[in-house]
């Protein structure tokens, strides 16, 4: 973290991975049958 108010690159990548996982689960209801987030389903959390 280059400053206290600038999250690390790893944090930004994690954040966007979480968002992609969240959004893919929401979209699963539109294009397939419901699929959970990897975060919970595979035990990453």
ModelCIF file with pLDDT and N, C-alpha, C, O atoms, coordinates in Angstrom:
data_MODEL
#
_entry.id   MODEL 
#
_entity.id                         1 
_entity.type                       polymer 
_entity.pdbx_number_of_molecules   1 
#
_entity_poly.entity_id                      1 
_entity_poly.type                           'polypeptide(L)' 
_entity_poly.nstd_linkage                   no 
_entity_poly.nstd_monomer                   no 
_entity_poly.pdbx_seq_one_letter_code       
;(UNK)(UNK)(UNK)(UNK)(UNK)(UNK)(UNK)(UNK)(UNK)(UNK)(UNK)(UNK)(UNK)(UNK)(UNK)(UNK)
(UNK)(UNK)(UNK)(UNK)(UNK)(UNK)(UNK)(UNK)(UNK)(UNK)(UNK)(UNK)(UNK)(UNK)(UNK)(UNK)
(UNK)(UNK)(UNK)(UNK)(UNK)(UNK)(UNK)(UNK)(UNK)(UNK)(UNK)(UNK)(UNK)
;
_entity_poly.pdbx_seq_one_letter_code_can   XXXXXXXXXXXXXXXXXXXXXXXXXXXXXXXXXXXXXXXXXXXXX 
_entity_poly.pdbx_strand_id                 A 
#
loop_
_entity_poly_seq.entity_id 
_entity_poly_seq.num 
_entity_poly_seq.mon_id 
_entity_poly_seq.hetero 
1 1  UNK n 
1 2  UNK n 
1 3  UNK n 
1 4  UNK n 
1 5  UNK n 
1 6  UNK n 
1 7  UNK n 
1 8  UNK n 
1 9  UNK n 
1 10 UNK n 
1 11 UNK n 
1 12 UNK n 
1 13 UNK n 
1 14 UNK n 
1 15 UNK n 
1 16 UNK n 
1 17 UNK n 
1 18 UNK n 
1 19 UNK n 
1 20 UNK n 
1 21 UNK n 
1 22 UNK n 
1 23 UNK n 
1 24 UNK n 
1 25 UNK n 
1 26 UNK n 
1 27 UNK n 
1 28 UNK n 
1 29 UNK n 
1 30 UNK n 
1 31 UNK n 
1 32 UNK n 
1 33 UNK n 
1 34 UNK n 
1 35 UNK n 
1 36 UNK n 
1 37 UNK n 
1 38 UNK n 
1 39 UNK n 
1 40 UNK n 
1 41 UNK n 
1 42 UNK n 
1 43 UNK n 
1 44 UNK n 
1 45 UNK n 
#
_struct_asym.id          A 
_struct_asym.entity_id   1 
#
loop_
_ma_qa_metric.id 
_ma_qa_metric.mode 
_ma_qa_metric.name 
_ma_qa_metric.software_group_id 
_ma_qa_metric.type 
1 global pLDDT . pLDDT 
2 local  pLDDT . pLDDT 
#
_ma_qa_metric_global.metric_id      1 
_ma_qa_metric_global.metric_value   91.44 
_ma_qa_metric_global.model_id       1 
_ma_qa_metric_global.ordinal_id     1 
#
loop_
_ma_qa_metric_local.label_asym_id 
_ma_qa_metric_local.label_comp_id 
_ma_qa_metric_local.label_seq_id 
_ma_qa_metric_local.metric_id 
_ma_qa_metric_local.metric_value 
_ma_qa_metric_local.model_id 
_ma_qa_metric_local.ordinal_id 
A UNK 1  2 92.00 1 1  
A UNK 2  2 91.00 1 2  
A UNK 3  2 88.00 1 3  
A UNK 4  2 87.00 1 4  
A UNK 5  2 87.00 1 5  
A UNK 6  2 88.00 1 6  
A UNK 7  2 92.00 1 7  
A UNK 8  2 94.00 1 8  
A UNK 9  2 96.00 1 9  
A UNK 10 2 96.00 1 10 
A UNK 11 2 94.00 1 11 
A UNK 12 2 94.00 1 12 
A UNK 13 2 97.00 1 13 
A UNK 14 2 94.00 1 14 
A UNK 15 2 94.00 1 15 
A UNK 16 2 96.00 1 16 
A UNK 17 2 96.00 1 17 
A UNK 18 2 94.00 1 18 
A UNK 19 2 95.00 1 19 
A UNK 20 2 96.00 1 20 
A UNK 21 2 95.00 1 21 
A UNK 22 2 93.00 1 22 
A UNK 23 2 94.00 1 23 
A UNK 24 2 94.00 1 24 
A UNK 25 2 92.00 1 25 
A UNK 26 2 91.00 1 26 
A UNK 27 2 92.00 1 27 
A UNK 28 2 90.00 1 28 
A UNK 29 2 88.00 1 29 
A UNK 30 2 91.00 1 30 
A UNK 31 2 91.00 1 31 
A UNK 32 2 85.00 1 32 
A UNK 33 2 84.00 1 33 
A UNK 34 2 88.00 1 34 
A UNK 35 2 90.00 1 35 
A UNK 36 2 91.00 1 36 
A UNK 37 2 92.00 1 37 
A UNK 38 2 93.00 1 38 
A UNK 39 2 90.00 1 39 
A UNK 40 2 86.00 1 40 
A UNK 41 2 89.00 1 41 
A UNK 42 2 90.00 1 42 
A UNK 43 2 89.00 1 43 
A UNK 44 2 90.00 1 44 
A UNK 45 2 86.00 1 45 
#
loop_
_atom_site.group_PDB 
_atom_site.id 
_atom_site.type_symbol 
_atom_site.label_atom_id 
_atom_site.label_alt_id 
_atom_site.label_comp_id 
_atom_site.label_asym_id 
_atom_site.label_entity_id 
_atom_site.label_seq_id 
_atom_site.pdbx_PDB_ins_code 
_atom_site.Cartn_x 
_atom_site.Cartn_y 
_atom_site.Cartn_z 
_atom_site.occupancy 
_atom_site.B_iso_or_equiv 
_atom_site.pdbx_formal_charge 
_atom_site.auth_seq_id 
_atom_site.auth_comp_id 
_atom_site.auth_asym_id 
_atom_site.auth_atom_id 
_atom_site.pdbx_PDB_model_num 
ATOM 1   N N  . UNK A 1 1  ? 0.893   -1.157  0.000   1.00 92.00 ? 1  UNK A N  1 
ATOM 2   C CA . UNK A 1 1  ? 0.000   0.000   0.000   1.00 92.00 ? 1  UNK A CA 1 
ATOM 3   C C  . UNK A 1 1  ? 0.931   1.207   0.000   1.00 92.00 ? 1  UNK A C  1 
ATOM 4   O O  . UNK A 1 1  ? 1.585   1.487   1.005   1.00 92.00 ? 1  UNK A O  1 
ATOM 5   N N  . UNK A 1 2  ? 0.996   1.920   -1.116  1.00 91.00 ? 2  UNK A N  1 
ATOM 6   C CA . UNK A 1 2  ? 1.943   3.024   -1.227  1.00 91.00 ? 2  UNK A CA 1 
ATOM 7   C C  . UNK A 1 2  ? 1.623   4.161   -0.265  1.00 91.00 ? 2  UNK A C  1 
ATOM 8   O O  . UNK A 1 2  ? 2.522   4.879   0.173   1.00 91.00 ? 2  UNK A O  1 
ATOM 9   N N  . UNK A 1 3  ? 0.361   4.323   0.059   1.00 88.00 ? 3  UNK A N  1 
ATOM 10  C CA . UNK A 1 3  ? -0.087  5.238   1.107   1.00 88.00 ? 3  UNK A CA 1 
ATOM 11  C C  . UNK A 1 3  ? -1.225  4.539   1.838   1.00 88.00 ? 3  UNK A C  1 
ATOM 12  O O  . UNK A 1 3  ? -1.714  3.501   1.390   1.00 88.00 ? 3  UNK A O  1 
ATOM 13  N N  . UNK A 1 4  ? -1.638  5.099   2.942   1.00 87.00 ? 4  UNK A N  1 
ATOM 14  C CA . UNK A 1 4  ? -2.735  4.494   3.711   1.00 87.00 ? 4  UNK A CA 1 
ATOM 15  C C  . UNK A 1 4  ? -4.060  4.519   2.946   1.00 87.00 ? 4  UNK A C  1 
ATOM 16  O O  . UNK A 1 4  ? -4.996  3.803   3.302   1.00 87.00 ? 4  UNK A O  1 
ATOM 17  N N  . UNK A 1 5  ? -4.138  5.341   1.898   1.00 87.00 ? 5  UNK A N  1 
ATOM 18  C CA . UNK A 1 5  ? -5.398  5.487   1.164   1.00 87.00 ? 5  UNK A CA 1 
ATOM 19  C C  . UNK A 1 5  ? -5.322  4.934   -0.254  1.00 87.00 ? 5  UNK A C  1 
ATOM 20  O O  . UNK A 1 5  ? -6.212  5.204   -1.061  1.00 87.00 ? 5  UNK A O  1 
ATOM 21  N N  . UNK A 1 6  ? -4.292  4.173   -0.574  1.00 88.00 ? 6  UNK A N  1 
ATOM 22  C CA . UNK A 1 6  ? -4.148  3.579   -1.908  1.00 88.00 ? 6  UNK A CA 1 
ATOM 23  C C  . UNK A 1 6  ? -3.989  2.070   -1.761  1.00 88.00 ? 6  UNK A C  1 
ATOM 24  O O  . UNK A 1 6  ? -2.882  1.583   -1.531  1.00 88.00 ? 6  UNK A O  1 
ATOM 25  N N  . UNK A 1 7  ? -5.092  1.320   -1.892  1.00 92.00 ? 7  UNK A N  1 
ATOM 26  C CA . UNK A 1 7  ? -5.007  -0.131  -1.746  1.00 92.00 ? 7  UNK A CA 1 
ATOM 27  C C  . UNK A 1 7  ? -3.980  -0.752  -2.691  1.00 92.00 ? 7  UNK A C  1 
ATOM 28  O O  . UNK A 1 7  ? -3.681  -0.218  -3.759  1.00 92.00 ? 7  UNK A O  1 
ATOM 29  N N  . UNK A 1 8  ? -3.458  -1.881  -2.266  1.00 94.00 ? 8  UNK A N  1 
ATOM 30  C CA . UNK A 1 8  ? -2.439  -2.582  -3.034  1.00 94.00 ? 8  UNK A CA 1 
ATOM 31  C C  . UNK A 1 8  ? -3.011  -3.159  -4.323  1.00 94.00 ? 8  UNK A C  1 
ATOM 32  O O  . UNK A 1 8  ? -4.225  -3.279  -4.485  1.00 94.00 ? 8  UNK A O  1 
ATOM 33  N N  . UNK A 1 9  ? -2.120  -3.509  -5.225  1.00 96.00 ? 9  UNK A N  1 
ATOM 34  C CA . UNK A 1 9  ? -2.539  -4.176  -6.464  1.00 96.00 ? 9  UNK A CA 1 
ATOM 35  C C  . UNK A 1 9  ? -3.228  -5.500  -6.152  1.00 96.00 ? 9  UNK A C  1 
ATOM 36  O O  . UNK A 1 9  ? -4.203  -5.871  -6.805  1.00 96.00 ? 9  UNK A O  1 
ATOM 37  N N  . UNK A 1 10 ? -2.715  -6.206  -5.155  1.00 96.00 ? 10 UNK A N  1 
ATOM 38  C CA . UNK A 1 10 ? -3.333  -7.481  -4.775  1.00 96.00 ? 10 UNK A CA 1 
ATOM 39  C C  . UNK A 1 10 ? -4.764  -7.247  -4.283  1.00 96.00 ? 10 UNK A C  1 
ATOM 40  O O  . UNK A 1 10 ? -5.667  -8.022  -4.598  1.00 96.00 ? 10 UNK A O  1 
ATOM 41  N N  . UNK A 1 11 ? -4.964  -6.172  -3.508  1.00 94.00 ? 11 UNK A N  1 
ATOM 42  C CA . UNK A 1 11 ? -6.317  -5.866  -3.041  1.00 94.00 ? 11 UNK A CA 1 
ATOM 43  C C  . UNK A 1 11 ? -7.231  -5.576  -4.229  1.00 94.00 ? 11 UNK A C  1 
ATOM 44  O O  . UNK A 1 11 ? -8.347  -6.092  -4.280  1.00 94.00 ? 11 UNK A O  1 
ATOM 45  N N  . UNK A 1 12 ? -6.779  -4.759  -5.188  1.00 94.00 ? 12 UNK A N  1 
ATOM 46  C CA . UNK A 1 12 ? -7.609  -4.430  -6.357  1.00 94.00 ? 12 UNK A CA 1 
ATOM 47  C C  . UNK A 1 12 ? -7.960  -5.688  -7.154  1.00 94.00 ? 12 UNK A C  1 
ATOM 48  O O  . UNK A 1 12 ? -9.092  -5.839  -7.612  1.00 94.00 ? 12 UNK A O  1 
ATOM 49  N N  . UNK A 1 13 ? -6.986  -6.592  -7.319  1.00 97.00 ? 13 UNK A N  1 
ATOM 50  C CA . UNK A 1 13 ? -7.264  -7.829  -8.055  1.00 97.00 ? 13 UNK A CA 1 
ATOM 51  C C  . UNK A 1 13 ? -8.265  -8.692  -7.289  1.00 97.00 ? 13 UNK A C  1 
ATOM 52  O O  . UNK A 1 13 ? -9.190  -9.248  -7.881  1.00 97.00 ? 13 UNK A O  1 
ATOM 53  N N  . UNK A 1 14 ? -8.080  -8.804  -5.970  1.00 94.00 ? 14 UNK A N  1 
ATOM 54  C CA . UNK A 1 14 ? -9.032  -9.569  -5.160  1.00 94.00 ? 14 UNK A CA 1 
ATOM 55  C C  . UNK A 1 14 ? -10.434 -8.968  -5.289  1.00 94.00 ? 14 UNK A C  1 
ATOM 56  O O  . UNK A 1 14 ? -11.409 -9.691  -5.498  1.00 94.00 ? 14 UNK A O  1 
ATOM 57  N N  . UNK A 1 15 ? -10.525 -7.652  -5.164  1.00 94.00 ? 15 UNK A N  1 
ATOM 58  C CA . UNK A 1 15 ? -11.815 -6.964  -5.235  1.00 94.00 ? 15 UNK A CA 1 
ATOM 59  C C  . UNK A 1 15 ? -12.515 -7.254  -6.561  1.00 94.00 ? 15 UNK A C  1 
ATOM 60  O O  . UNK A 1 15 ? -13.711 -7.545  -6.583  1.00 94.00 ? 15 UNK A O  1 
ATOM 61  N N  . UNK A 1 16 ? -11.778 -7.174  -7.655  1.00 96.00 ? 16 UNK A N  1 
ATOM 62  C CA . UNK A 1 16 ? -12.410 -7.420  -8.956  1.00 96.00 ? 16 UNK A CA 1 
ATOM 63  C C  . UNK A 1 16 ? -12.727 -8.897  -9.164  1.00 96.00 ? 16 UNK A C  1 
ATOM 64  O O  . UNK A 1 16 ? -13.685 -9.230  -9.863  1.00 96.00 ? 16 UNK A O  1 
ATOM 65  N N  . UNK A 1 17 ? -11.939 -9.781  -8.571  1.00 96.00 ? 17 UNK A N  1 
ATOM 66  C CA . UNK A 1 17 ? -12.270 -11.207 -8.619  1.00 96.00 ? 17 UNK A CA 1 
ATOM 67  C C  . UNK A 1 17 ? -13.565 -11.469 -7.846  1.00 96.00 ? 17 UNK A C  1 
ATOM 68  O O  . UNK A 1 17 ? -14.425 -12.221 -8.304  1.00 96.00 ? 17 UNK A O  1 
ATOM 69  N N  . UNK A 1 18 ? -13.696 -10.842 -6.670  1.00 94.00 ? 18 UNK A N  1 
ATOM 70  C CA . UNK A 1 18 ? -14.930 -10.997 -5.888  1.00 94.00 ? 18 UNK A CA 1 
ATOM 71  C C  . UNK A 1 18 ? -16.119 -10.456 -6.669  1.00 94.00 ? 18 UNK A C  1 
ATOM 72  O O  . UNK A 1 18 ? -17.180 -11.079 -6.694  1.00 94.00 ? 18 UNK A O  1 
ATOM 73  N N  . UNK A 1 19 ? -15.949 -9.288  -7.313  1.00 95.00 ? 19 UNK A N  1 
ATOM 74  C CA . UNK A 1 19 ? -17.037 -8.723  -8.103  1.00 95.00 ? 19 UNK A CA 1 
ATOM 75  C C  . UNK A 1 19 ? -17.416 -9.644  -9.257  1.00 95.00 ? 19 UNK A C  1 
ATOM 76  O O  . UNK A 1 19 ? -18.599 -9.885  -9.501  1.00 95.00 ? 19 UNK A O  1 
ATOM 77  N N  . UNK A 1 20 ? -16.408 -10.161 -9.972  1.00 96.00 ? 20 UNK A N  1 
ATOM 78  C CA . UNK A 1 20 ? -16.691 -11.059 -11.094 1.00 96.00 ? 20 UNK A CA 1 
ATOM 79  C C  . UNK A 1 20 ? -17.446 -12.296 -10.599 1.00 96.00 ? 20 UNK A C  1 
ATOM 80  O O  . UNK A 1 20 ? -18.383 -12.760 -11.249 1.00 96.00 ? 20 UNK A O  1 
ATOM 81  N N  . UNK A 1 21 ? -17.034 -12.821 -9.453  1.00 95.00 ? 21 UNK A N  1 
ATOM 82  C CA . UNK A 1 21 ? -17.681 -13.997 -8.886  1.00 95.00 ? 21 UNK A CA 1 
ATOM 83  C C  . UNK A 1 21 ? -19.127 -13.684 -8.493  1.00 95.00 ? 21 UNK A C  1 
ATOM 84  O O  . UNK A 1 21 ? -20.035 -14.468 -8.768  1.00 95.00 ? 21 UNK A O  1 
ATOM 85  N N  . UNK A 1 22 ? -19.329 -12.549 -7.860  1.00 93.00 ? 22 UNK A N  1 
ATOM 86  C CA . UNK A 1 22 ? -20.675 -12.123 -7.463  1.00 93.00 ? 22 UNK A CA 1 
ATOM 87  C C  . UNK A 1 22 ? -21.565 -11.938 -8.693  1.00 93.00 ? 22 UNK A C  1 
ATOM 88  O O  . UNK A 1 22 ? -22.697 -12.422 -8.721  1.00 93.00 ? 22 UNK A O  1 
ATOM 89  N N  . UNK A 1 23 ? -21.056 -11.240 -9.704  1.00 94.00 ? 23 UNK A N  1 
ATOM 90  C CA . UNK A 1 23 ? -21.857 -10.947 -10.894 1.00 94.00 ? 23 UNK A CA 1 
ATOM 91  C C  . UNK A 1 23 ? -22.120 -12.218 -11.700 1.00 94.00 ? 23 UNK A C  1 
ATOM 92  O O  . UNK A 1 23 ? -23.212 -12.385 -12.244 1.00 94.00 ? 23 UNK A O  1 
ATOM 93  N N  . UNK A 1 24 ? -21.129 -13.124 -11.785 1.00 94.00 ? 24 UNK A N  1 
ATOM 94  C CA . UNK A 1 24 ? -21.388 -14.357 -12.529 1.00 94.00 ? 24 UNK A CA 1 
ATOM 95  C C  . UNK A 1 24 ? -22.518 -15.148 -11.882 1.00 94.00 ? 24 UNK A C  1 
ATOM 96  O O  . UNK A 1 24 ? -23.314 -15.772 -12.583 1.00 94.00 ? 24 UNK A O  1 
ATOM 97  N N  . UNK A 1 25 ? -22.597 -15.129 -10.561 1.00 92.00 ? 25 UNK A N  1 
ATOM 98  C CA . UNK A 1 25 ? -23.673 -15.834 -9.878  1.00 92.00 ? 25 UNK A CA 1 
ATOM 99  C C  . UNK A 1 25 ? -25.022 -15.188 -10.188 1.00 92.00 ? 25 UNK A C  1 
ATOM 100 O O  . UNK A 1 25 ? -26.011 -15.886 -10.413 1.00 92.00 ? 25 UNK A O  1 
ATOM 101 N N  . UNK A 1 26 ? -25.060 -13.861 -10.199 1.00 91.00 ? 26 UNK A N  1 
ATOM 102 C CA . UNK A 1 26 ? -26.308 -13.171 -10.556 1.00 91.00 ? 26 UNK A CA 1 
ATOM 103 C C  . UNK A 1 26 ? -26.716 -13.483 -11.991 1.00 91.00 ? 26 UNK A C  1 
ATOM 104 O O  . UNK A 1 26 ? -27.891 -13.725 -12.264 1.00 91.00 ? 26 UNK A O  1 
ATOM 105 N N  . UNK A 1 27 ? -25.750 -13.478 -12.907 1.00 92.00 ? 27 UNK A N  1 
ATOM 106 C CA . UNK A 1 27 ? -26.055 -13.742 -14.316 1.00 92.00 ? 27 UNK A CA 1 
ATOM 107 C C  . UNK A 1 27 ? -26.429 -15.190 -14.570 1.00 92.00 ? 27 UNK A C  1 
ATOM 108 O O  . UNK A 1 27 ? -27.105 -15.493 -15.553 1.00 92.00 ? 27 UNK A O  1 
ATOM 109 N N  . UNK A 1 28 ? -25.998 -16.089 -13.694 1.00 90.00 ? 28 UNK A N  1 
ATOM 110 C CA . UNK A 1 28 ? -26.333 -17.505 -13.908 1.00 90.00 ? 28 UNK A CA 1 
ATOM 111 C C  . UNK A 1 28 ? -27.844 -17.693 -13.968 1.00 90.00 ? 28 UNK A C  1 
ATOM 112 O O  . UNK A 1 28 ? -28.329 -18.559 -14.696 1.00 90.00 ? 28 UNK A O  1 
ATOM 113 N N  . UNK A 1 29 ? -28.585 -16.900 -13.218 1.00 88.00 ? 29 UNK A N  1 
ATOM 114 C CA . UNK A 1 29 ? -30.044 -16.982 -13.240 1.00 88.00 ? 29 UNK A CA 1 
ATOM 115 C C  . UNK A 1 29 ? -30.620 -16.548 -14.580 1.00 88.00 ? 29 UNK A C  1 
ATOM 116 O O  . UNK A 1 29 ? -31.726 -16.953 -14.939 1.00 88.00 ? 29 UNK A O  1 
ATOM 117 N N  . UNK A 1 30 ? -29.889 -15.732 -15.319 1.00 91.00 ? 30 UNK A N  1 
ATOM 118 C CA . UNK A 1 30 ? -30.354 -15.210 -16.605 1.00 91.00 ? 30 UNK A CA 1 
ATOM 119 C C  . UNK A 1 30 ? -30.030 -16.180 -17.736 1.00 91.00 ? 30 UNK A C  1 
ATOM 120 O O  . UNK A 1 30 ? -30.853 -16.375 -18.630 1.00 91.00 ? 30 UNK A O  1 
ATOM 121 N N  . UNK A 1 31 ? -28.849 -16.789 -17.715 1.00 91.00 ? 31 UNK A N  1 
ATOM 122 C CA . UNK A 1 31 ? -28.391 -17.583 -18.860 1.00 91.00 ? 31 UNK A CA 1 
ATOM 123 C C  . UNK A 1 31 ? -28.385 -19.091 -18.611 1.00 91.00 ? 31 UNK A C  1 
ATOM 124 O O  . UNK A 1 31 ? -28.270 -19.860 -19.566 1.00 91.00 ? 31 UNK A O  1 
ATOM 125 N N  . UNK A 1 32 ? -28.501 -19.526 -17.388 1.00 85.00 ? 32 UNK A N  1 
ATOM 126 C CA . UNK A 1 32 ? -28.457 -20.943 -17.016 1.00 85.00 ? 32 UNK A CA 1 
ATOM 127 C C  . UNK A 1 32 ? -29.382 -21.151 -15.841 1.00 85.00 ? 32 UNK A C  1 
ATOM 128 O O  . UNK A 1 32 ? -30.336 -20.402 -15.629 1.00 85.00 ? 32 UNK A O  1 
ATOM 129 N N  . UNK A 1 33 ? -29.080 -22.180 -15.089 1.00 84.00 ? 33 UNK A N  1 
ATOM 130 C CA . UNK A 1 33 ? -29.717 -22.335 -13.794 1.00 84.00 ? 33 UNK A CA 1 
ATOM 131 C C  . UNK A 1 33 ? -28.800 -21.690 -12.762 1.00 84.00 ? 33 UNK A C  1 
ATOM 132 O O  . UNK A 1 33 ? -27.616 -21.475 -13.020 1.00 84.00 ? 33 UNK A O  1 
ATOM 133 N N  . UNK A 1 34 ? -29.350 -21.384 -11.602 1.00 88.00 ? 34 UNK A N  1 
ATOM 134 C CA . UNK A 1 34 ? -28.580 -20.654 -10.594 1.00 88.00 ? 34 UNK A CA 1 
ATOM 135 C C  . UNK A 1 34 ? -27.296 -21.386 -10.225 1.00 88.00 ? 34 UNK A C  1 
ATOM 136 O O  . UNK A 1 34 ? -27.291 -22.597 -10.004 1.00 88.00 ? 34 UNK A O  1 
ATOM 137 N N  . UNK A 1 35 ? -26.224 -20.633 -10.165 1.00 90.00 ? 35 UNK A N  1 
ATOM 138 C CA . UNK A 1 35 ? -24.926 -21.155 -9.719  1.00 90.00 ? 35 UNK A CA 1 
ATOM 139 C C  . UNK A 1 35 ? -24.421 -20.255 -8.597  1.00 90.00 ? 35 UNK A C  1 
ATOM 140 O O  . UNK A 1 35 ? -24.505 -19.031 -8.699  1.00 90.00 ? 35 UNK A O  1 
ATOM 141 N N  . UNK A 1 36 ? -23.904 -20.844 -7.542  1.00 91.00 ? 36 UNK A N  1 
ATOM 142 C CA . UNK A 1 36 ? -23.394 -20.036 -6.424  1.00 91.00 ? 36 UNK A CA 1 
ATOM 143 C C  . UNK A 1 36 ? -22.051 -19.402 -6.770  1.00 91.00 ? 36 UNK A C  1 
ATOM 144 O O  . UNK A 1 36 ? -21.440 -19.708 -7.794  1.00 91.00 ? 36 UNK A O  1 
ATOM 145 N N  . UNK A 1 37 ? -21.621 -18.528 -5.902  1.00 92.00 ? 37 UNK A N  1 
ATOM 146 C CA . UNK A 1 37 ? -20.294 -17.942 -6.045  1.00 92.00 ? 37 UNK A CA 1 
ATOM 147 C C  . UNK A 1 37 ? -19.242 -18.984 -5.691  1.00 92.00 ? 37 UNK A C  1 
ATOM 148 O O  . UNK A 1 37 ? -19.436 -19.784 -4.775  1.00 92.00 ? 37 UNK A O  1 
ATOM 149 N N  . UNK A 1 38 ? -18.141 -18.973 -6.410  1.00 93.00 ? 38 UNK A N  1 
ATOM 150 C CA . UNK A 1 38 ? -17.002 -19.835 -6.089  1.00 93.00 ? 38 UNK A CA 1 
ATOM 151 C C  . UNK A 1 38 ? -16.549 -19.602 -4.653  1.00 93.00 ? 38 UNK A C  1 
ATOM 152 O O  . UNK A 1 38 ? -16.194 -20.538 -3.936  1.00 93.00 ? 38 UNK A O  1 
ATOM 153 N N  . UNK A 1 39 ? -16.568 -18.339 -4.250  1.00 90.00 ? 39 UNK A N  1 
ATOM 154 C CA . UNK A 1 39 ? -16.096 -17.906 -2.938  1.00 90.00 ? 39 UNK A CA 1 
ATOM 155 C C  . UNK A 1 39 ? -16.659 -18.774 -1.827  1.00 90.00 ? 39 UNK A C  1 
ATOM 156 O O  . UNK A 1 39 ? -15.933 -19.191 -0.925  1.00 90.00 ? 39 UNK A O  1 
ATOM 157 N N  . UNK A 1 40 ? -17.957 -19.043 -1.895  1.00 86.00 ? 40 UNK A N  1 
ATOM 158 C CA . UNK A 1 40 ? -18.605 -19.859 -0.874  1.00 86.00 ? 40 UNK A CA 1 
ATOM 159 C C  . UNK A 1 40 ? -18.621 -21.331 -1.279  1.00 86.00 ? 40 UNK A C  1 
ATOM 160 O O  . UNK A 1 40 ? -18.294 -22.201 -0.472  1.00 86.00 ? 40 UNK A O  1 
ATOM 161 N N  . UNK A 1 41 ? -18.998 -21.608 -2.515  1.00 89.00 ? 41 UNK A N  1 
ATOM 162 C CA . UNK A 1 41 ? -19.193 -22.975 -2.986  1.00 89.00 ? 41 UNK A CA 1 
ATOM 163 C C  . UNK A 1 41 ? -17.934 -23.835 -2.855  1.00 89.00 ? 41 UNK A C  1 
ATOM 164 O O  . UNK A 1 41 ? -18.012 -24.992 -2.443  1.00 89.00 ? 41 UNK A O  1 
ATOM 165 N N  . UNK A 1 42 ? -16.783 -23.276 -3.203  1.00 90.00 ? 42 UNK A N  1 
ATOM 166 C CA . UNK A 1 42 ? -15.546 -24.047 -3.150  1.00 90.00 ? 42 UNK A CA 1 
ATOM 167 C C  . UNK A 1 42 ? -14.771 -23.825 -1.849  1.00 90.00 ? 42 UNK A C  1 
ATOM 168 O O  . UNK A 1 42 ? -13.694 -24.392 -1.667  1.00 90.00 ? 42 UNK A O  1 
ATOM 169 N N  . UNK A 1 43 ? -15.308 -23.009 -0.951  1.00 89.00 ? 43 UNK A N  1 
ATOM 170 C CA . UNK A 1 43 ? -14.693 -22.834 0.358   1.00 89.00 ? 43 UNK A CA 1 
ATOM 171 C C  . UNK A 1 43 ? -13.508 -21.884 0.399   1.00 89.00 ? 43 UNK A C  1 
ATOM 172 O O  . UNK A 1 43 ? -12.697 -21.951 1.323   1.00 89.00 ? 43 UNK A O  1 
ATOM 173 N N  . UNK A 1 44 ? -13.394 -21.000 -0.585  1.00 90.00 ? 44 UNK A N  1 
ATOM 174 C CA . UNK A 1 44 ? -12.263 -20.068 -0.611  1.00 90.00 ? 44 UNK A CA 1 
ATOM 175 C C  . UNK A 1 44 ? -12.283 -19.160 0.611   1.00 90.00 ? 44 UNK A C  1 
ATOM 176 O O  . UNK A 1 44 ? -11.240 -18.913 1.218   1.00 90.00 ? 44 UNK A O  1 
ATOM 177 N N  . UNK A 1 45 ? -13.452 -18.667 0.974   1.00 86.00 ? 45 UNK A N  1 
ATOM 178 C CA . UNK A 1 45 ? -13.546 -17.776 2.143   1.00 86.00 ? 45 UNK A CA 1 
ATOM 179 C C  . UNK A 1 45 ? -12.983 -18.451 3.385   1.00 86.00 ? 45 UNK A C  1 
ATOM 180 O O  . UNK A 1 45 ? -12.977 -17.855 4.462   1.00 86.00 ? 45 UNK A O  1 
#
